[in-house]
Amino acid sequence: MKQRLRFLRTGRGRVGTAIVAVVLAIAVLGPLAAPYGPDEIVGAPGQEPGGDFMLGTDYLGHDVLSRVLYGGLSVLYLALAATALAYAIGVTVGIVAGYSRNLLDPVLMRTMDVILVFPPLLFFLIAVTSFGTGVGIMIIGVALVQAPGVARIVYSATREVSVRGYIEAAVARGERTPAVLGREILPNIMPTIIANLGLSLTFSVLLIAAVNFLGLGLQPPDANWALMISENRPVLSLNVWSTVAPAALIAALTIGVNLVGDAISHMLGRTDVEAEAATASAPPALETTELVR
């Protein structure tokens, strides 16, 4: 456990973890502390902070603080669901294509390249035009946009690992391909996958925020930080906190996740270097046997 939490020893690891913990607490526990319901009209539109409204009211007269406290959970679960689906697709495609030495390799990777050609927002416009708006379409769209990048990273790591001796030994023992992929290759490329996870989650948060801002994802009256930024533009001059508060929380979440991801990536890199140094400094097994004799 101590080995896994080594990233907390770094300054950016501690700061990033603290920021993420605060944002998570606001998103998860916020609805319990909200003074009003997320759809409850409690005042005139665009009121400045004061009195019963700590952050004022939004474009319809909702309490901004209550909407902020309710609006984080959807950002988190949408980003986590989209990132998990992207990794499920990307890791599967990348590891299968990287290990195979037949037609499956170019077919899978060229398919990923075709998706990678489309700009993310253009891809969403095509998806929305074809299938309509909705949470499911948004999650699948974000996952498909991210999957090619994940697949390329996993593909490169798999190609590097698949030629090593322990993989050849596993094949020589008669292990089937699923066993080789799951028991031998996947654990050895896991540091690479984890190192990229923070960046992918950050991209999911920002892309989902952009989609909701453009009105292609969640629709009013859903409480969502990105949606709040878009829908409160008409009252920005009256109550700036109706857009600044949710925007600041999205920014804090992305900064915190990036800091944690950088710290974990740095830790994994140091761990790999230390392991290689230890292996290089260890005496050969043959020499040790001869000394014992």
C-alpha atoms as a PDB file:
ATOM      1  CA  MET A   1       0.000   0.000   0.000  1.00  0.00           C
ATOM      2  CA  LYS A   2       2.839   2.393   0.841  1.00  0.00           C
ATOM      3  CA  GLN A   3       4.404   1.662  -2.526  1.00  0.00           C
ATOM      4  CA  ARG A   4       1.152   2.522  -4.287  1.00  0.00           C
ATOM      5  CA  LEU A   5       0.782   5.828  -2.429  1.00  0.00           C
ATOM      6  CA  ARG A   6       4.310   7.060  -3.080  1.00  0.00           C
ATOM      7  CA  PHE A   7       2.954   9.788  -5.360  1.00  0.00           C
ATOM      8  CA  LEU A   8       1.568  11.510  -2.230  1.00  0.00           C
ATOM      9  CA  ARG A   9       5.120  12.248  -1.143  1.00  0.00           C
ATOM     10  CA  THR A  10       5.490  14.759  -3.962  1.00  0.00           C
ATOM     11  CA  GLY A  11       4.166  18.289  -3.743  1.00  0.00           C
ATOM     12  CA  ARG A  12       2.039  18.044  -6.859  1.00  0.00           C
ATOM     13  CA  GLY A  13       0.657  14.701  -5.705  1.00  0.00           C
ATOM     14  CA  ARG A  14      -0.480  16.141  -2.380  1.00  0.00           C
ATOM     15  CA  VAL A  15      -1.867  19.344  -3.917  1.00  0.00           C
ATOM     16  CA  GLY A  16      -3.648  17.462  -6.708  1.00  0.00           C
ATOM     17  CA  THR A  17      -5.143  14.943  -4.291  1.00  0.00           C
ATOM     18  CA  ALA A  18      -6.365  17.731  -2.005  1.00  0.00           C
ATOM     19  CA  ILE A  19      -7.997  19.595  -4.900  1.00  0.00           C
ATOM     20  CA  VAL A  20      -9.665  16.453  -6.249  1.00  0.00           C
ATOM     21  CA  ALA A  21     -10.861  15.501  -2.754  1.00  0.00           C
ATOM     22  CA  VAL A  22     -12.488  18.911  -2.247  1.00  0.00           C
ATOM     23  CA  VAL A  23     -14.223  18.838  -5.632  1.00  0.00           C
ATOM     24  CA  LEU A  24     -15.384  15.257  -5.046  1.00  0.00           C
ATOM     25  CA  ALA A  25     -16.757  16.220  -1.640  1.00  0.00           C
ATOM     26  CA  ILE A  26     -18.687  19.117  -3.183  1.00  0.00           C
ATOM     27  CA  ALA A  27     -20.056  16.930  -5.976  1.00  0.00           C
ATOM     28  CA  VAL A  28     -20.995  13.908  -3.848  1.00  0.00           C
ATOM     29  CA  LEU A  29     -22.052  15.536  -0.577  1.00  0.00           C
ATOM     30  CA  GLY A  30     -23.245  18.835  -2.019  1.00  0.00           C
ATOM     31  CA  PRO A  31     -26.893  17.814  -2.541  1.00  0.00           C
ATOM     32  CA  LEU A  32     -27.135  17.059   1.187  1.00  0.00           C
ATOM     33  CA  ALA A  33     -26.113  20.634   2.031  1.00  0.00           C
ATOM     34  CA  ALA A  34     -28.050  22.480  -0.686  1.00  0.00           C
ATOM     35  CA  PRO A  35     -30.472  25.028   0.819  1.00  0.00           C
ATOM     36  CA  TYR A  36     -32.960  24.650  -2.060  1.00  0.00           C
ATOM     37  CA  GLY A  37     -33.897  22.118  -4.695  1.00  0.00           C
ATOM     38  CA  PRO A  38     -32.089  22.316  -8.039  1.00  0.00           C
ATOM     39  CA  ASP A  39     -35.275  23.226  -9.933  1.00  0.00           C
ATOM     40  CA  GLU A  40     -36.840  25.435  -7.265  1.00  0.00           C
ATOM     41  CA  ILE A  41     -37.394  29.055  -8.305  1.00  0.00           C
ATOM     42  CA  VAL A  42     -36.648  31.133  -5.219  1.00  0.00           C
ATOM     43  CA  GLY A  43     -36.129  34.695  -6.459  1.00  0.00           C
ATOM     44  CA  ALA A  44     -35.901  37.109  -9.344  1.00  0.00           C
ATOM     45  CA  PRO A  45     -33.576  36.127 -12.214  1.00  0.00           C
ATOM     46  CA  GLY A  46     -29.974  37.339 -12.049  1.00  0.00           C
ATOM     47  CA  GLN A  47     -29.893  38.541  -8.449  1.00  0.00           C
ATOM     48  CA  GLU A  48     -26.474  39.375  -7.037  1.00  0.00           C
ATOM     49  CA  PRO A  49     -25.144  37.470  -3.988  1.00  0.00           C
ATOM     50  CA  GLY A  50     -26.661  38.588  -0.732  1.00  0.00           C
ATOM     51  CA  GLY A  51     -29.314  37.773   1.807  1.00  0.00           C
ATOM     52  CA  ASP A  52     -30.557  34.200   1.465  1.00  0.00           C
ATOM     53  CA  PHE A  53     -28.611  33.627  -1.761  1.00  0.00           C
ATOM     54  CA  MET A  54     -24.876  33.277  -1.135  1.00  0.00           C
ATOM     55  CA  LEU A  55     -24.086  33.110  -4.869  1.00  0.00           C
ATOM     56  CA  GLY A  56     -27.184  34.908  -6.111  1.00  0.00           C
ATOM     57  CA  THR A  57     -29.731  33.521  -8.562  1.00  0.00           C
ATOM     58  CA  ASP A  58     -29.482  32.293 -12.139  1.00  0.00           C
ATOM     59  CA  TYR A  59     -31.313  33.208 -15.342  1.00  0.00           C
ATOM     60  CA  LEU A  60     -34.595  31.675 -14.121  1.00  0.00           C
ATOM     61  CA  GLY A  61     -34.359  32.587 -10.445  1.00  0.00           C
ATOM     62  CA  HIS A  62     -32.849  29.329  -9.129  1.00  0.00           C
ATOM     63  CA  ASP A  63     -30.408  29.526  -6.240  1.00  0.00           C
ATOM     64  CA  VAL A  64     -26.936  29.332  -7.836  1.00  0.00           C
ATOM     65  CA  LEU A  65     -25.359  27.732  -4.767  1.00  0.00           C
ATOM     66  CA  SER A  66     -27.921  24.925  -4.787  1.00  0.00           C
ATOM     67  CA  ARG A  67     -27.445  24.343  -8.516  1.00  0.00           C
ATOM     68  CA  VAL A  68     -23.665  24.226  -8.025  1.00  0.00           C
ATOM     69  CA  LEU A  69     -23.981  21.719  -5.178  1.00  0.00           C
ATOM     70  CA  TYR A  70     -26.257  19.504  -7.287  1.00  0.00           C
ATOM     71  CA  GLY A  71     -24.426  19.954 -10.592  1.00  0.00           C
ATOM     72  CA  GLY A  72     -21.121  18.182  -9.956  1.00  0.00           C
ATOM     73  CA  LEU A  73     -22.284  14.602  -9.686  1.00  0.00           C
ATOM     74  CA  SER A  74     -23.389  14.417 -13.315  1.00  0.00           C
ATOM     75  CA  VAL A  75     -20.019  15.791 -14.480  1.00  0.00           C
ATOM     76  CA  LEU A  76     -18.180  13.106 -12.512  1.00  0.00           C
ATOM     77  CA  TYR A  77     -20.238  10.077 -13.422  1.00  0.00           C
ATOM     78  CA  LEU A  78     -20.421  11.028 -17.095  1.00  0.00           C
ATOM     79  CA  ALA A  79     -16.642  11.537 -17.281  1.00  0.00           C
ATOM     80  CA  LEU A  80     -15.899   8.330 -15.374  1.00  0.00           C
ATOM     81  CA  ALA A  81     -18.341   6.286 -17.460  1.00  0.00           C
ATOM     82  CA  ALA A  82     -17.000   7.666 -20.740  1.00  0.00           C
ATOM     83  CA  THR A  83     -13.365   7.121 -19.706  1.00  0.00           C
ATOM     84  CA  ALA A  84     -14.069   3.568 -18.521  1.00  0.00           C
ATOM     85  CA  LEU A  85     -15.784   2.721 -21.819  1.00  0.00           C
ATOM     86  CA  ALA A  86     -12.954   4.327 -23.806  1.00  0.00           C
ATOM     87  CA  TYR A  87     -10.401   2.209 -21.962  1.00  0.00           C
ATOM     88  CA  ALA A  88     -12.471  -0.945 -22.358  1.00  0.00           C
ATOM     89  CA  ILE A  89     -12.503  -0.396 -26.127  1.00  0.00           C
ATOM     90  CA  GLY A  90      -8.998   1.019 -26.499  1.00  0.00           C
ATOM     91  CA  VAL A  91      -7.202  -1.535 -24.327  1.00  0.00           C
ATOM     92  CA  THR A  92      -8.993  -4.455 -25.990  1.00  0.00           C
ATOM     93  CA  VAL A  93      -8.264  -3.221 -29.514  1.00  0.00           C
ATOM     94  CA  GLY A  94      -4.698  -2.186 -28.736  1.00  0.00           C
ATOM     95  CA  ILE A  95      -3.622  -5.362 -26.957  1.00  0.00           C
ATOM     96  CA  VAL A  96      -5.238  -7.686 -29.525  1.00  0.00           C
ATOM     97  CA  ALA A  97      -3.819  -5.761 -32.494  1.00  0.00           C
ATOM     98  CA  GLY A  98      -0.405  -5.415 -30.883  1.00  0.00           C
ATOM     99  CA  TYR A  99      -0.082  -9.133 -30.151  1.00  0.00           C
ATOM    100  CA  SER A 100      -1.529 -10.467 -33.384  1.00  0.00           C
ATOM    101  CA  ARG A 101       0.687 -10.998 -36.405  1.00  0.00           C
ATOM    102  CA  ASN A 102      -2.051 -11.344 -39.005  1.00  0.00           C
ATOM    103  CA  LEU A 103      -4.677  -9.297 -40.825  1.00  0.00           C
ATOM    104  CA  LEU A 104      -6.365  -8.401 -37.526  1.00  0.00           C
ATOM    105  CA  ASP A 105      -3.626  -5.887 -36.707  1.00  0.00           C
ATOM    106  CA  PRO A 106      -4.090  -3.496 -39.672  1.00  0.00           C
ATOM    107  CA  VAL A 107      -7.874  -3.882 -39.714  1.00  0.00           C
ATOM    108  CA  LEU A 108      -8.280  -2.886 -36.056  1.00  0.00           C
ATOM    109  CA  MET A 109      -5.718  -0.073 -36.036  1.00  0.00           C
ATOM    110  CA  ARG A 110      -6.821   1.451 -39.355  1.00  0.00           C
ATOM    111  CA  THR A 111     -10.375   1.521 -37.992  1.00  0.00           C
ATOM    112  CA  MET A 112      -9.090   3.460 -34.971  1.00  0.00           C
ATOM    113  CA  ASP A 113      -7.204   5.813 -37.300  1.00  0.00           C
ATOM    114  CA  VAL A 114     -10.377   6.585 -39.236  1.00  0.00           C
ATOM    115  CA  ILE A 115     -12.138   7.639 -36.017  1.00  0.00           C
ATOM    116  CA  LEU A 116      -9.073   9.630 -34.969  1.00  0.00           C
ATOM    117  CA  VAL A 117      -9.264  11.737 -38.138  1.00  0.00           C
ATOM    118  CA  PHE A 118     -12.551  13.369 -37.093  1.00  0.00           C
ATOM    119  CA  PRO A 119     -12.324  16.399 -34.759  1.00  0.00           C
ATOM    120  CA  PRO A 120     -14.154  15.561 -31.481  1.00  0.00           C
ATOM    121  CA  LEU A 121     -16.928  18.144 -31.815  1.00  0.00           C
ATOM    122  CA  LEU A 122     -17.525  17.292 -35.472  1.00  0.00           C
ATOM    123  CA  PHE A 123     -17.818  13.657 -34.460  1.00  0.00           C
ATOM    124  CA  PHE A 124     -20.440  14.644 -31.881  1.00  0.00           C
ATOM    125  CA  LEU A 125     -22.392  16.673 -34.400  1.00  0.00           C
ATOM    126  CA  ILE A 126     -22.523  13.641 -36.690  1.00  0.00           C
ATOM    127  CA  ALA A 127     -23.572  11.377 -33.798  1.00  0.00           C
ATOM    128  CA  VAL A 128     -26.242  13.782 -32.584  1.00  0.00           C
ATOM    129  CA  THR A 129     -27.587  14.260 -36.097  1.00  0.00           C
ATOM    130  CA  SER A 130     -27.797  10.492 -36.558  1.00  0.00           C
ATOM    131  CA  PHE A 131     -28.983   9.315 -33.140  1.00  0.00           C
ATOM    132  CA  GLY A 132     -30.216  12.399 -31.250  1.00  0.00           C
ATOM    133  CA  THR A 133     -29.129  13.853 -27.916  1.00  0.00           C
ATOM    134  CA  GLY A 134     -29.020  12.024 -24.617  1.00  0.00           C
ATOM    135  CA  VAL A 135     -26.754  10.792 -21.851  1.00  0.00           C
ATOM    136  CA  GLY A 136     -26.071   7.472 -23.548  1.00  0.00           C
ATOM    137  CA  ILE A 137     -25.098   9.091 -26.853  1.00  0.00           C
ATOM    138  CA  MET A 138     -22.806  11.513 -25.006  1.00  0.00           C
ATOM    139  CA  ILE A 139     -20.997   8.746 -23.091  1.00  0.00           C
ATOM    140  CA  ILE A 140     -20.571   6.604 -26.200  1.00  0.00           C
ATOM    141  CA  GLY A 141     -19.443   9.610 -28.243  1.00  0.00           C
ATOM    142  CA  VAL A 142     -16.780  10.673 -25.723  1.00  0.00           C
ATOM    143  CA  ALA A 143     -15.608   7.061 -25.396  1.00  0.00           C
ATOM    144  CA  LEU A 144     -15.278   6.611 -29.167  1.00  0.00           C
ATOM    145  CA  VAL A 145     -13.388   9.885 -29.488  1.00  0.00           C
ATOM    146  CA  GLN A 146     -10.879   8.780 -26.838  1.00  0.00           C
ATOM    147  CA  ALA A 147     -10.598   5.064 -27.673  1.00  0.00           C
ATOM    148  CA  PRO A 148      -8.235   5.474 -30.672  1.00  0.00           C
ATOM    149  CA  GLY A 149      -5.657   7.352 -28.593  1.00  0.00           C
ATOM    150  CA  VAL A 150      -5.800   4.715 -25.865  1.00  0.00           C
ATOM    151  CA  ALA A 151      -5.565   1.940 -28.456  1.00  0.00           C
ATOM    152  CA  ARG A 152      -2.431   3.445 -30.033  1.00  0.00           C
ATOM    153  CA  ILE A 153      -0.682   3.716 -26.659  1.00  0.00           C
ATOM    154  CA  VAL A 154      -1.623   0.161 -25.673  1.00  0.00           C
ATOM    155  CA  TYR A 155      -0.670  -1.092 -29.133  1.00  0.00           C
ATOM    156  CA  SER A 156       2.849   0.352 -28.882  1.00  0.00           C
ATOM    157  CA  ALA A 157       3.336  -0.997 -25.362  1.00  0.00           C
ATOM    158  CA  THR A 158       2.061  -4.435 -26.372  1.00  0.00           C
ATOM    159  CA  ARG A 159       4.369  -4.617 -29.391  1.00  0.00           C
ATOM    160  CA  GLU A 160       7.315  -3.857 -27.152  1.00  0.00           C
ATOM    161  CA  VAL A 161       6.383  -6.417 -24.486  1.00  0.00           C
ATOM    162  CA  SER A 162       5.236  -9.222 -26.810  1.00  0.00           C
ATOM    163  CA  VAL A 163       8.767  -9.982 -28.061  1.00  0.00           C
ATOM    164  CA  ARG A 164      10.243 -10.550 -24.618  1.00  0.00           C
ATOM    165  CA  GLY A 165      11.396 -13.894 -23.357  1.00  0.00           C
ATOM    166  CA  TYR A 166       8.678 -14.552 -20.802  1.00  0.00           C
ATOM    167  CA  ILE A 167       6.037 -14.161 -23.511  1.00  0.00           C
ATOM    168  CA  GLU A 168       7.842 -16.699 -25.691  1.00  0.00           C
ATOM    169  CA  ALA A 169       8.119 -19.008 -22.680  1.00  0.00           C
ATOM    170  CA  ALA A 170       4.364 -18.729 -22.040  1.00  0.00           C
ATOM    171  CA  VAL A 171       3.640 -19.607 -25.673  1.00  0.00           C
ATOM    172  CA  ALA A 172       6.072 -22.513 -25.484  1.00  0.00           C
ATOM    173  CA  ARG A 173       4.247 -23.821 -22.408  1.00  0.00           C
ATOM    174  CA  GLY A 174       1.117 -24.038 -24.535  1.00  0.00           C
ATOM    175  CA  GLU A 175      -0.813 -21.144 -22.991  1.00  0.00           C
ATOM    176  CA  ARG A 176      -3.659 -19.924 -25.161  1.00  0.00           C
ATOM    177  CA  THR A 177      -3.813 -16.398 -26.510  1.00  0.00           C
ATOM    178  CA  PRO A 178      -6.379 -15.051 -23.963  1.00  0.00           C
ATOM    179  CA  ALA A 179      -4.179 -16.326 -21.120  1.00  0.00           C
ATOM    180  CA  VAL A 180      -1.061 -14.741 -22.608  1.00  0.00           C
ATOM    181  CA  LEU A 181      -2.848 -11.412 -23.075  1.00  0.00           C
ATOM    182  CA  GLY A 182      -4.470 -11.402 -19.632  1.00  0.00           C
ATOM    183  CA  ARG A 183      -1.734 -12.931 -17.469  1.00  0.00           C
ATOM    184  CA  GLU A 184       1.491 -11.936 -19.175  1.00  0.00           C
ATOM    185  CA  ILE A 185       1.053  -8.838 -21.313  1.00  0.00           C
ATOM    186  CA  LEU A 186      -1.663  -6.811 -19.551  1.00  0.00           C
ATOM    187  CA  PRO A 187       0.046  -6.681 -16.111  1.00  0.00           C
ATOM    188  CA  ASN A 188       3.297  -5.565 -17.729  1.00  0.00           C
ATOM    189  CA  ILE A 189       1.753  -2.699 -19.690  1.00  0.00           C
ATOM    190  CA  MET A 190      -0.442  -1.562 -16.800  1.00  0.00           C
ATOM    191  CA  PRO A 191       1.961   1.236 -15.724  1.00  0.00           C
ATOM    192  CA  THR A 192       1.653   2.751 -19.201  1.00  0.00           C
ATOM    193  CA  ILE A 193      -2.137   2.513 -19.057  1.00  0.00           C
ATOM    194  CA  ILE A 194      -2.311   4.078 -15.588  1.00  0.00           C
ATOM    195  CA  ALA A 195       0.070   6.887 -16.543  1.00  0.00           C
ATOM    196  CA  ASN A 196      -2.300   7.941 -19.345  1.00  0.00           C
ATOM    197  CA  LEU A 197      -5.462   7.619 -17.260  1.00  0.00           C
ATOM    198  CA  GLY A 198      -5.307  11.064 -15.663  1.00  0.00           C
ATOM    199  CA  LEU A 199      -4.965  12.803 -19.009  1.00  0.00           C
ATOM    200  CA  SER A 200      -7.843  10.788 -20.471  1.00  0.00           C
ATOM    201  CA  LEU A 201     -10.125  11.592 -17.531  1.00  0.00           C
ATOM    202  CA  THR A 202      -9.279  15.280 -17.844  1.00  0.00           C
ATOM    203  CA  PHE A 203     -10.065  15.193 -21.553  1.00  0.00           C
ATOM    204  CA  SER A 204     -13.397  13.501 -20.807  1.00  0.00           C
ATOM    205  CA  VAL A 205     -14.328  16.211 -18.302  1.00  0.00           C
ATOM    206  CA  LEU A 206     -13.460  19.016 -20.724  1.00  0.00           C
ATOM    207  CA  LEU A 207     -15.106  17.367 -23.719  1.00  0.00           C
ATOM    208  CA  ILE A 208     -18.308  16.633 -21.804  1.00  0.00           C
ATOM    209  CA  ALA A 209     -18.270  20.228 -20.550  1.00  0.00           C
ATOM    210  CA  ALA A 210     -17.920  21.498 -24.129  1.00  0.00           C
ATOM    211  CA  VAL A 211     -20.719  19.232 -25.362  1.00  0.00           C
ATOM    212  CA  ASN A 212     -23.063  20.339 -22.592  1.00  0.00           C
ATOM    213  CA  PHE A 213     -22.088  23.975 -23.174  1.00  0.00           C
ATOM    214  CA  LEU A 214     -23.138  23.631 -26.818  1.00  0.00           C
ATOM    215  CA  GLY A 215     -26.426  22.036 -25.787  1.00  0.00           C
ATOM    216  CA  LEU A 216     -25.628  18.645 -27.346  1.00  0.00           C
ATOM    217  CA  GLY A 217     -25.678  16.702 -24.079  1.00  0.00           C
ATOM    218  CA  LEU A 218     -27.787  17.269 -20.985  1.00  0.00           C
ATOM    219  CA  GLN A 219     -30.724  19.612 -21.344  1.00  0.00           C
ATOM    220  CA  PRO A 220     -32.319  22.085 -18.892  1.00  0.00           C
ATOM    221  CA  PRO A 221     -33.504  21.829 -16.167  1.00  0.00           C
ATOM    222  CA  ASP A 222     -30.727  19.295 -15.379  1.00  0.00           C
ATOM    223  CA  ALA A 223     -28.186  20.671 -12.902  1.00  0.00           C
ATOM    224  CA  ASN A 224     -24.734  20.427 -14.452  1.00  0.00           C
ATOM    225  CA  TRP A 225     -21.722  22.714 -14.091  1.00  0.00           C
ATOM    226  CA  ALA A 226     -21.047  22.964 -17.819  1.00  0.00           C
ATOM    227  CA  LEU A 227     -24.712  23.482 -18.625  1.00  0.00           C
ATOM    228  CA  MET A 228     -24.849  26.255 -16.006  1.00  0.00           C
ATOM    229  CA  ILE A 229     -22.069  28.140 -17.804  1.00  0.00           C
ATOM    230  CA  SER A 230     -24.039  28.046 -21.049  1.00  0.00           C
ATOM    231  CA  GLU A 231     -27.512  28.791 -19.747  1.00  0.00           C
ATOM    232  CA  ASN A 232     -26.440  31.719 -17.523  1.00  0.00           C
ATOM    233  CA  ARG A 233     -24.749  33.750 -20.229  1.00  0.00           C
ATOM    234  CA  PRO A 234     -27.770  36.096 -20.516  1.00  0.00           C
ATOM    235  CA  VAL A 235     -27.377  37.165 -16.867  1.00  0.00           C
ATOM    236  CA  LEU A 236     -23.580  37.237 -16.776  1.00  0.00           C
ATOM    237  CA  SER A 237     -23.561  41.025 -16.382  1.00  0.00           C
ATOM    238  CA  LEU A 238     -26.064  40.816 -13.518  1.00  0.00           C
ATOM    239  CA  ASN A 239     -24.597  37.936 -11.522  1.00  0.00           C
ATOM    240  CA  VAL A 240     -21.151  36.835 -12.623  1.00  0.00           C
ATOM    241  CA  TRP A 241     -21.087  34.031 -10.022  1.00  0.00           C
ATOM    242  CA  SER A 242     -23.751  32.107 -11.921  1.00  0.00           C
ATOM    243  CA  THR A 243     -21.055  31.189 -14.466  1.00  0.00           C
ATOM    244  CA  VAL A 244     -17.794  31.739 -12.556  1.00  0.00           C
ATOM    245  CA  ALA A 245     -18.619  29.287  -9.747  1.00  0.00           C
ATOM    246  CA  PRO A 246     -19.275  26.211 -11.959  1.00  0.00           C
ATOM    247  CA  ALA A 247     -16.420  27.159 -14.304  1.00  0.00           C
ATOM    248  CA  ALA A 248     -14.000  27.403 -11.365  1.00  0.00           C
ATOM    249  CA  LEU A 249     -14.998  23.941 -10.123  1.00  0.00           C
ATOM    250  CA  ILE A 250     -14.502  22.384 -13.576  1.00  0.00           C
ATOM    251  CA  ALA A 251     -11.098  24.067 -13.802  1.00  0.00           C
ATOM    252  CA  ALA A 252     -10.165  22.885 -10.305  1.00  0.00           C
ATOM    253  CA  LEU A 253     -11.155  19.306 -11.134  1.00  0.00           C
ATOM    254  CA  THR A 254      -9.080  19.221 -14.317  1.00  0.00           C
ATOM    255  CA  ILE A 255      -6.050  20.808 -12.620  1.00  0.00           C
ATOM    256  CA  GLY A 256      -6.268  18.399  -9.672  1.00  0.00           C
ATOM    257  CA  VAL A 257      -6.599  15.316 -11.872  1.00  0.00           C
ATOM    258  CA  ASN A 258      -3.675  16.471 -14.016  1.00  0.00           C
ATOM    259  CA  LEU A 259      -1.468  16.994 -10.970  1.00  0.00           C
ATOM    260  CA  VAL A 260      -2.316  13.544  -9.595  1.00  0.00           C
ATOM    261  CA  GLY A 261      -1.756  11.962 -13.016  1.00  0.00           C
ATOM    262  CA  ASP A 262       1.633  13.675 -13.375  1.00  0.00           C
ATOM    263  CA  ALA A 263       2.666  12.535  -9.904  1.00  0.00           C
ATOM    264  CA  ILE A 264       1.635   8.925 -10.584  1.00  0.00           C
ATOM    265  CA  SER A 265       3.361   8.953 -13.977  1.00  0.00           C
ATOM    266  CA  HIS A 266       6.540  10.293 -12.381  1.00  0.00           C
ATOM    267  CA  MET A 267       6.352   7.643  -9.651  1.00  0.00           C
ATOM    268  CA  LEU A 268       5.891   4.823 -12.166  1.00  0.00           C
ATOM    269  CA  GLY A 269       8.763   6.133 -14.234  1.00  0.00           C
ATOM    270  CA  ARG A 270      11.060   6.180 -11.217  1.00  0.00           C
ATOM    271  CA  THR A 271       9.902   2.705 -10.211  1.00  0.00           C
ATOM    272  CA  ASP A 272      10.764   1.338 -13.675  1.00  0.00           C
ATOM    273  CA  VAL A 273      14.173   3.004 -13.582  1.00  0.00           C
ATOM    274  CA  GLU A 274      14.893   1.625 -10.110  1.00  0.00           C
ATOM    275  CA  ALA A 275      13.840  -1.866 -11.180  1.00  0.00           C
ATOM    276  CA  GLU A 276      16.088  -1.743 -14.247  1.00  0.00           C
ATOM    277  CA  ALA A 277      18.989  -0.459 -12.155  1.00  0.00           C
ATOM    278  CA  ALA A 278      18.498  -3.235  -9.609  1.00  0.00           C
ATOM    279  CA  THR A 279      18.396  -5.831 -12.376  1.00  0.00           C
ATOM    280  CA  ALA A 280      21.519  -4.437 -13.989  1.00  0.00           C
ATOM    281  CA  SER A 281      23.447  -4.399 -10.695  1.00  0.00           C
ATOM    282  CA  ALA A 282      22.446  -7.941  -9.689  1.00  0.00           C
ATOM    283  CA  PRO A 283      25.063 -10.645 -10.404  1.00  0.00           C
ATOM    284  CA  PRO A 284      24.189 -13.174 -13.130  1.00  0.00           C
ATOM    285  CA  ALA A 285      22.415 -16.306 -11.935  1.00  0.00           C
ATOM    286  CA  LEU A 286      25.128 -18.552 -13.392  1.00  0.00           C
ATOM    287  CA  GLU A 287      27.860 -16.813 -11.462  1.00  0.00           C
ATOM    288  CA  THR A 288      25.892 -17.083  -8.221  1.00  0.00           C
ATOM    289  CA  THR A 289      25.417 -20.819  -8.796  1.00  0.00           C
ATOM    290  CA  GLU A 290      29.093 -21.279  -9.430  1.00  0.00           C
ATOM    291  CA  LEU A 291      29.982 -19.453  -6.200  1.00  0.00           C
ATOM    292  CA  VAL A 292      27.644 -21.713  -4.223  1.00  0.00           C
ATOM    293  CA  ARG A 293      29.309 -24.732  -5.762  1.00  0.00           C
END
